[in-house]
Protein backbone atom coordinates (compact mmCIF):
# COMPACT_ATOMS: atom_id res chain seq x y z
CA UNK A 1 40.17 0.94 -121.04
CA UNK A 2 39.36 -2.30 -122.86
CA UNK A 3 40.90 -4.40 -120.08
CA UNK A 4 38.77 -2.55 -117.50
CA UNK A 5 35.64 -3.26 -119.54
CA UNK A 6 36.64 -6.91 -119.93
CA UNK A 7 37.33 -7.29 -116.19
CA UNK A 8 34.05 -5.53 -115.36
CA UNK A 9 32.13 -7.75 -117.78
CA UNK A 10 33.71 -10.89 -116.34
CA UNK A 11 32.88 -9.78 -112.81
CA UNK A 12 29.31 -8.95 -113.79
CA UNK A 13 28.97 -12.31 -115.54
CA UNK A 14 30.30 -14.15 -112.49
CA UNK A 15 27.95 -12.17 -110.22
CA UNK A 16 24.98 -13.04 -112.43
CA UNK A 17 25.97 -16.72 -112.76
CA UNK A 18 26.65 -17.34 -109.05
CA UNK A 19 23.00 -17.91 -108.02
CA UNK A 20 22.47 -20.36 -110.87
CA UNK A 21 25.61 -22.29 -109.98
CA UNK A 22 24.50 -22.42 -106.34
CA UNK A 23 21.02 -23.65 -107.36
CA UNK A 24 22.60 -26.30 -109.55
CA UNK A 25 24.82 -27.55 -106.73
CA UNK A 26 22.51 -27.32 -103.71
CA UNK A 27 19.06 -26.96 -105.25
CA UNK A 28 16.64 -24.13 -104.74
CA UNK A 29 15.27 -23.12 -101.36
CA UNK A 30 12.01 -24.88 -102.27
CA UNK A 31 13.88 -28.07 -103.19
CA UNK A 32 15.75 -28.05 -99.87
CA UNK A 33 12.51 -27.35 -97.96
CA UNK A 34 10.74 -30.25 -99.66
CA UNK A 35 13.68 -32.56 -98.96
CA UNK A 36 13.71 -31.56 -95.29
CA UNK A 37 9.95 -32.12 -94.99
CA UNK A 38 10.26 -35.51 -96.68
CA UNK A 39 13.13 -36.48 -94.37
CA UNK A 40 11.13 -35.43 -91.32
CA UNK A 41 8.15 -37.49 -92.53
CA UNK A 42 10.38 -40.53 -93.00
CA UNK A 43 11.86 -40.04 -89.54
CA UNK A 44 8.38 -39.80 -87.95
CA UNK A 45 7.27 -42.98 -89.71
CA UNK A 46 10.44 -44.77 -88.59
CA UNK A 47 9.77 -43.73 -85.00
CA UNK A 48 6.19 -45.02 -85.26
CA UNK A 49 7.45 -48.35 -86.64
CA UNK A 50 10.00 -48.61 -83.83
CA UNK A 51 7.34 -47.96 -81.19
CA UNK A 52 5.09 -50.58 -82.77
CA UNK A 53 7.93 -53.15 -82.84
CA UNK A 54 8.75 -52.34 -79.23
CA UNK A 55 5.12 -52.90 -78.23
CA UNK A 56 4.99 -56.17 -80.15
CA UNK A 57 8.19 -57.41 -78.50
CA UNK A 58 6.91 -56.40 -75.07
CA UNK A 59 3.62 -58.21 -75.73
CA UNK A 60 5.43 -61.30 -77.00
CA UNK A 61 7.68 -61.53 -73.95
CA UNK A 62 4.69 -61.31 -71.63
CA UNK A 63 2.81 -64.14 -73.35
CA UNK A 64 5.71 -66.62 -73.47
CA UNK A 65 5.77 -68.57 -70.21
CA UNK A 66 9.10 -69.00 -68.47
CA UNK A 67 10.34 -72.58 -67.98
CA UNK A 68 9.70 -74.01 -64.51
CA UNK A 69 11.70 -76.45 -62.46
CA UNK A 70 15.16 -76.85 -61.02
CA UNK A 71 16.60 -78.27 -64.23
CA UNK A 72 15.89 -74.94 -65.97
CA UNK A 73 17.23 -72.73 -63.19
CA UNK A 74 20.90 -73.63 -63.60
CA UNK A 75 22.87 -72.77 -66.70
CA UNK A 76 24.40 -75.71 -68.54
CA UNK A 77 28.01 -76.28 -67.57
CA UNK A 78 30.58 -77.20 -70.18
CA UNK A 79 33.91 -78.57 -69.20
CA UNK A 80 36.79 -77.01 -71.03
CA UNK A 81 40.07 -78.88 -71.22
CA UNK A 82 42.94 -76.42 -71.18
CA UNK A 83 46.18 -77.35 -72.88
CA UNK A 84 44.95 -80.55 -74.50
């Protein structure tokens, strides 16, 4: 009888402690919701920054004139001595 009461008490204690252990490990539902909202906000801001950088790079490449003339058309040639 005593062992049944002890096993029942241990099971009841574990059942009552399980939500608190889970909250300690993973946080509450509100904590996880706030973290997800914060992460989404950071992701949106990162996307905005990336779009802005992309626009700045596109604007910079348009304003830089390309070199003109035959001397700029060909790539420089380097001679490589093999086996020396």
